[in-house]
Amino acid sequence: MYITYHTPEEQDLSELMVIERLGFTPEEAATESAMKERIQVIADSFIIAKDKEGKITGYVVGPVIPTRYLTDDLFEKTNLNPKEGGFQSVLSLVVHPDYRGEGIARKLLKELEAVCVKKKREGITLTCLEELVSFYEENGYRNEGKSNSTHAGEVWFNLVKELL
């Protein structure tokens, strides 16, 4: 499958929200205003995948943070990324259901990792539900146990991939 990777633009917002809502429960999903803020503030750590017709097939996004683990406030407010250093967080990694099983999520993680290496990030950090732990472990992430996050009332696990 032919896929290209890009930085999102504001006109991508509605298409991104459709995918966000298909990938997460209403309690877990980002709001439209939060997603718009992410496009405006952290486009340098927001990667979208598009098929040959230009349809968004998936994306990965998150701010760079100074700590090893995510905190729930990251889902509410987005701050500018530092030029170098820190941990790249992943708030959302989502592939449209029509494109799942094509390796797009793995490739999005690789694209994000390449950006992180260039910017000398310490690593990539995320939280995920138990059923996704093995996917991230297969992609080089280490499960560092249950997260303190109470986002959407779920039990989350801290996964980290060290880069330096």
C-alpha atoms as a PDB file:
ATOM      1  CA  MET A   1       0.000   0.000   0.000  1.00  0.00           C
ATOM      2  CA  TYR A   2       1.276   3.439  -0.981  1.00  0.00           C
ATOM      3  CA  ILE A   3       1.392   5.724   2.068  1.00  0.00           C
ATOM      4  CA  THR A   4       3.037   9.107   2.543  1.00  0.00           C
ATOM      5  CA  TYR A   5       3.700  10.913   5.825  1.00  0.00           C
ATOM      6  CA  HIS A   6       2.990  14.583   6.491  1.00  0.00           C
ATOM      7  CA  THR A   7       2.495  17.290   9.085  1.00  0.00           C
ATOM      8  CA  PRO A   8      -1.227  18.039   9.492  1.00  0.00           C
ATOM      9  CA  GLU A   9      -2.877  21.303   8.559  1.00  0.00           C
ATOM     10  CA  GLU A  10      -6.030  22.833  10.001  1.00  0.00           C
ATOM     11  CA  GLN A  11      -8.125  21.657   7.041  1.00  0.00           C
ATOM     12  CA  ASP A  12      -7.322  18.070   8.161  1.00  0.00           C
ATOM     13  CA  LEU A  13      -9.144  18.567  11.478  1.00  0.00           C
ATOM     14  CA  SER A  14     -12.532  17.065  10.567  1.00  0.00           C
ATOM     15  CA  GLU A  15     -10.952  13.974   8.984  1.00  0.00           C
ATOM     16  CA  LEU A  16      -8.664  13.551  12.011  1.00  0.00           C
ATOM     17  CA  MET A  17     -11.644  13.775  14.379  1.00  0.00           C
ATOM     18  CA  VAL A  18     -13.486  11.018  12.507  1.00  0.00           C
ATOM     19  CA  ILE A  19     -10.470   8.723  12.956  1.00  0.00           C
ATOM     20  CA  GLU A  20     -10.001   9.775  16.606  1.00  0.00           C
ATOM     21  CA  ARG A  21     -13.610   8.870  17.382  1.00  0.00           C
ATOM     22  CA  LEU A  22     -13.289   5.520  15.572  1.00  0.00           C
ATOM     23  CA  GLY A  23     -10.174   4.677  17.577  1.00  0.00           C
ATOM     24  CA  PHE A  24     -11.178   5.727  21.067  1.00  0.00           C
ATOM     25  CA  THR A  25     -14.233   5.696  23.318  1.00  0.00           C
ATOM     26  CA  PRO A  26     -15.956   9.075  23.805  1.00  0.00           C
ATOM     27  CA  GLU A  27     -14.286   9.316  27.235  1.00  0.00           C
ATOM     28  CA  GLU A  28     -10.809   8.599  25.813  1.00  0.00           C
ATOM     29  CA  ALA A  29     -11.010  10.628  22.594  1.00  0.00           C
ATOM     30  CA  ALA A  30      -9.531  14.084  22.229  1.00  0.00           C
ATOM     31  CA  THR A  31     -11.959  16.948  21.851  1.00  0.00           C
ATOM     32  CA  GLU A  32     -12.016  18.883  18.594  1.00  0.00           C
ATOM     33  CA  SER A  33     -10.554  21.939  20.342  1.00  0.00           C
ATOM     34  CA  ALA A  34      -7.710  19.831  21.824  1.00  0.00           C
ATOM     35  CA  MET A  35      -6.941  18.334  18.405  1.00  0.00           C
ATOM     36  CA  LYS A  36      -6.963  21.770  16.762  1.00  0.00           C
ATOM     37  CA  GLU A  37      -4.573  23.045  19.439  1.00  0.00           C
ATOM     38  CA  ARG A  38      -2.243  20.088  18.772  1.00  0.00           C
ATOM     39  CA  ILE A  39      -2.181  20.921  15.049  1.00  0.00           C
ATOM     40  CA  GLN A  40      -1.395  24.562  15.835  1.00  0.00           C
ATOM     41  CA  VAL A  41       1.123  24.070  18.667  1.00  0.00           C
ATOM     42  CA  ILE A  42       2.929  20.734  18.156  1.00  0.00           C
ATOM     43  CA  ALA A  43       2.813  20.095  14.423  1.00  0.00           C
ATOM     44  CA  ASP A  44       6.499  19.133  14.685  1.00  0.00           C
ATOM     45  CA  SER A  45       5.470  16.003  16.623  1.00  0.00           C
ATOM     46  CA  PHE A  46       2.223  15.262  14.776  1.00  0.00           C
ATOM     47  CA  ILE A  47       2.521  12.890  11.813  1.00  0.00           C
ATOM     48  CA  ILE A  48      -0.344  11.875   9.546  1.00  0.00           C
ATOM     49  CA  ALA A  49      -0.357   9.016   7.037  1.00  0.00           C
ATOM     50  CA  LYS A  50      -2.160   9.492   3.715  1.00  0.00           C
ATOM     51  CA  ASP A  51      -3.009   7.032   0.955  1.00  0.00           C
ATOM     52  CA  LYS A  52      -2.442   7.748  -2.749  1.00  0.00           C
ATOM     53  CA  GLU A  53      -5.795   9.587  -2.978  1.00  0.00           C
ATOM     54  CA  GLY A  54      -4.804  11.872  -0.108  1.00  0.00           C
ATOM     55  CA  LYS A  55      -7.148  10.291   2.458  1.00  0.00           C
ATOM     56  CA  ILE A  56      -5.787  10.271   6.011  1.00  0.00           C
ATOM     57  CA  THR A  57      -5.303   6.648   7.056  1.00  0.00           C
ATOM     58  CA  GLY A  58      -3.900   7.268  10.531  1.00  0.00           C
ATOM     59  CA  TYR A  59      -1.778   9.519  12.706  1.00  0.00           C
ATOM     60  CA  VAL A  60       0.435   9.786  15.754  1.00  0.00           C
ATOM     61  CA  VAL A  61       0.629  12.856  17.983  1.00  0.00           C
ATOM     62  CA  GLY A  62       1.942  13.990  21.341  1.00  0.00           C
ATOM     63  CA  PRO A  63       3.947  16.776  22.944  1.00  0.00           C
ATOM     64  CA  VAL A  64       7.538  16.524  24.119  1.00  0.00           C
ATOM     65  CA  ILE A  65       7.623  16.427  27.913  1.00  0.00           C
ATOM     66  CA  PRO A  66      10.423  16.638  30.513  1.00  0.00           C
ATOM     67  CA  THR A  67       9.294  13.510  32.391  1.00  0.00           C
ATOM     68  CA  ARG A  68       9.523   9.784  31.652  1.00  0.00           C
ATOM     69  CA  TYR A  69       5.763   9.217  32.049  1.00  0.00           C
ATOM     70  CA  LEU A  70       2.629  10.976  30.827  1.00  0.00           C
ATOM     71  CA  THR A  71       0.402  12.935  33.170  1.00  0.00           C
ATOM     72  CA  ASP A  72      -3.324  13.421  32.646  1.00  0.00           C
ATOM     73  CA  ASP A  73      -3.012  17.198  32.225  1.00  0.00           C
ATOM     74  CA  LEU A  74      -1.346  16.550  28.835  1.00  0.00           C
ATOM     75  CA  PHE A  75      -4.743  15.575  27.432  1.00  0.00           C
ATOM     76  CA  GLU A  76      -6.125  19.030  28.311  1.00  0.00           C
ATOM     77  CA  LYS A  77      -3.468  21.623  27.430  1.00  0.00           C
ATOM     78  CA  THR A  78      -0.720  21.571  24.792  1.00  0.00           C
ATOM     79  CA  ASN A  79       2.560  23.433  25.206  1.00  0.00           C
ATOM     80  CA  LEU A  80       5.260  24.096  22.623  1.00  0.00           C
ATOM     81  CA  ASN A  81       7.895  21.401  22.200  1.00  0.00           C
ATOM     82  CA  PRO A  82      11.483  22.159  23.220  1.00  0.00           C
ATOM     83  CA  LYS A  83      13.945  22.268  20.305  1.00  0.00           C
ATOM     84  CA  GLU A  84      15.930  19.334  21.728  1.00  0.00           C
ATOM     85  CA  GLY A  85      15.808  16.788  24.531  1.00  0.00           C
ATOM     86  CA  GLY A  86      12.916  15.513  26.620  1.00  0.00           C
ATOM     87  CA  PHE A  87      10.640  12.558  26.064  1.00  0.00           C
ATOM     88  CA  GLN A  88       8.346  12.419  23.063  1.00  0.00           C
ATOM     89  CA  SER A  89       4.912  11.459  24.360  1.00  0.00           C
ATOM     90  CA  VAL A  90       2.228   9.718  22.345  1.00  0.00           C
ATOM     91  CA  LEU A  91      -1.297  10.840  23.189  1.00  0.00           C
ATOM     92  CA  SER A  92      -2.871   9.188  20.138  1.00  0.00           C
ATOM     93  CA  LEU A  93      -1.767   6.554  17.663  1.00  0.00           C
ATOM     94  CA  VAL A  94      -4.765   5.688  15.537  1.00  0.00           C
ATOM     95  CA  VAL A  95      -5.308   3.977  12.197  1.00  0.00           C
ATOM     96  CA  HIS A  96      -8.664   4.170  10.420  1.00  0.00           C
ATOM     97  CA  PRO A  97     -10.408   0.750  10.647  1.00  0.00           C
ATOM     98  CA  ASP A  98     -10.389   0.420   6.828  1.00  0.00           C
ATOM     99  CA  TYR A  99      -6.568   0.472   6.864  1.00  0.00           C
ATOM    100  CA  ARG A 100      -5.737  -1.652   9.910  1.00  0.00           C
ATOM    101  CA  GLY A 101      -3.440  -4.625   9.380  1.00  0.00           C
ATOM    102  CA  GLU A 102      -1.363  -2.795   6.759  1.00  0.00           C
ATOM    103  CA  GLY A 103       1.540  -1.906   9.097  1.00  0.00           C
ATOM    104  CA  ILE A 104       0.642   1.791   9.196  1.00  0.00           C
ATOM    105  CA  ALA A 105       0.793   2.080  13.008  1.00  0.00           C
ATOM    106  CA  ARG A 106       4.283   0.529  13.052  1.00  0.00           C
ATOM    107  CA  LYS A 107       5.442   2.863  10.299  1.00  0.00           C
ATOM    108  CA  LEU A 108       4.009   5.902  12.100  1.00  0.00           C
ATOM    109  CA  LEU A 109       6.008   4.907  15.187  1.00  0.00           C
ATOM    110  CA  LYS A 110       9.153   4.602  13.027  1.00  0.00           C
ATOM    111  CA  GLU A 111       8.524   8.017  11.455  1.00  0.00           C
ATOM    112  CA  LEU A 112       8.079   9.548  14.920  1.00  0.00           C
ATOM    113  CA  GLU A 113      11.240   7.836  16.141  1.00  0.00           C
ATOM    114  CA  ALA A 114      13.230   9.304  13.234  1.00  0.00           C
ATOM    115  CA  VAL A 115      12.071  12.802  14.220  1.00  0.00           C
ATOM    116  CA  CYS A 116      13.028  12.076  17.838  1.00  0.00           C
ATOM    117  CA  VAL A 117      16.536  10.942  16.913  1.00  0.00           C
ATOM    118  CA  LYS A 118      17.115  14.155  14.928  1.00  0.00           C
ATOM    119  CA  LYS A 119      15.914  16.255  17.860  1.00  0.00           C
ATOM    120  CA  LYS A 120      17.960  14.265  20.415  1.00  0.00           C
ATOM    121  CA  ARG A 121      14.920  13.150  22.405  1.00  0.00           C
ATOM    122  CA  GLU A 122      15.705  10.804  25.332  1.00  0.00           C
ATOM    123  CA  GLY A 123      12.942   8.434  24.323  1.00  0.00           C
ATOM    124  CA  ILE A 124       9.296   7.962  23.474  1.00  0.00           C
ATOM    125  CA  THR A 125       6.733   7.491  26.241  1.00  0.00           C
ATOM    126  CA  LEU A 126       3.067   6.551  26.150  1.00  0.00           C
ATOM    127  CA  THR A 127       0.282   4.938  28.074  1.00  0.00           C
ATOM    128  CA  CYS A 128      -1.877   2.196  26.643  1.00  0.00           C
ATOM    129  CA  LEU A 129      -4.540  -0.273  27.647  1.00  0.00           C
ATOM    130  CA  GLU A 130      -3.478  -3.816  28.570  1.00  0.00           C
ATOM    131  CA  GLU A 131      -4.573  -5.315  25.237  1.00  0.00           C
ATOM    132  CA  LEU A 132      -2.098  -3.064  23.372  1.00  0.00           C
ATOM    133  CA  VAL A 133       0.970  -3.720  25.548  1.00  0.00           C
ATOM    134  CA  SER A 134       2.219  -6.575  23.340  1.00  0.00           C
ATOM    135  CA  PHE A 135       1.979  -4.420  20.174  1.00  0.00           C
ATOM    136  CA  TYR A 136       4.257  -1.799  21.696  1.00  0.00           C
ATOM    137  CA  GLU A 137       6.631  -4.414  23.118  1.00  0.00           C
ATOM    138  CA  GLU A 138       6.960  -5.872  19.597  1.00  0.00           C
ATOM    139  CA  ASN A 139       8.012  -2.372  18.500  1.00  0.00           C
ATOM    140  CA  GLY A 140      10.787  -2.027  21.071  1.00  0.00           C
ATOM    141  CA  TYR A 141       8.913  -0.433  23.964  1.00  0.00           C
ATOM    142  CA  ARG A 142       9.329  -1.641  27.545  1.00  0.00           C
ATOM    143  CA  ASN A 143       6.316  -2.047  29.821  1.00  0.00           C
ATOM    144  CA  GLU A 144       7.230  -0.192  33.016  1.00  0.00           C
ATOM    145  CA  GLY A 145       4.036  -1.072  34.883  1.00  0.00           C
ATOM    146  CA  LYS A 146       0.708   0.513  35.655  1.00  0.00           C
ATOM    147  CA  SER A 147       0.396   4.235  35.103  1.00  0.00           C
ATOM    148  CA  ASN A 148      -0.937   6.715  37.653  1.00  0.00           C
ATOM    149  CA  SER A 149      -3.259   7.986  34.909  1.00  0.00           C
ATOM    150  CA  THR A 150      -6.974   7.920  35.546  1.00  0.00           C
ATOM    151  CA  HIS A 151      -7.810   9.210  32.047  1.00  0.00           C
ATOM    152  CA  ALA A 152     -11.297   8.051  30.990  1.00  0.00           C
ATOM    153  CA  GLY A 153     -11.490   5.878  34.122  1.00  0.00           C
ATOM    154  CA  GLU A 154      -9.289   3.188  32.521  1.00  0.00           C
ATOM    155  CA  VAL A 155      -6.248   1.245  33.744  1.00  0.00           C
ATOM    156  CA  TRP A 156      -3.242   2.369  31.702  1.00  0.00           C
ATOM    157  CA  PHE A 157       0.300   1.020  31.393  1.00  0.00           C
ATOM    158  CA  ASN A 158       3.494   3.053  30.983  1.00  0.00           C
ATOM    159  CA  LEU A 159       5.517   2.053  27.926  1.00  0.00           C
ATOM    160  CA  VAL A 160       8.873   3.625  27.103  1.00  0.00           C
ATOM    161  CA  LYS A 161      11.349   3.262  24.279  1.00  0.00           C
ATOM    162  CA  GLU A 162      14.725   4.752  25.129  1.00  0.00           C
ATOM    163  CA  LEU A 163      16.589   6.403  22.267  1.00  0.00           C
ATOM    164  CA  LEU A 164      19.760   7.834  23.832  1.00  0.00           C
END
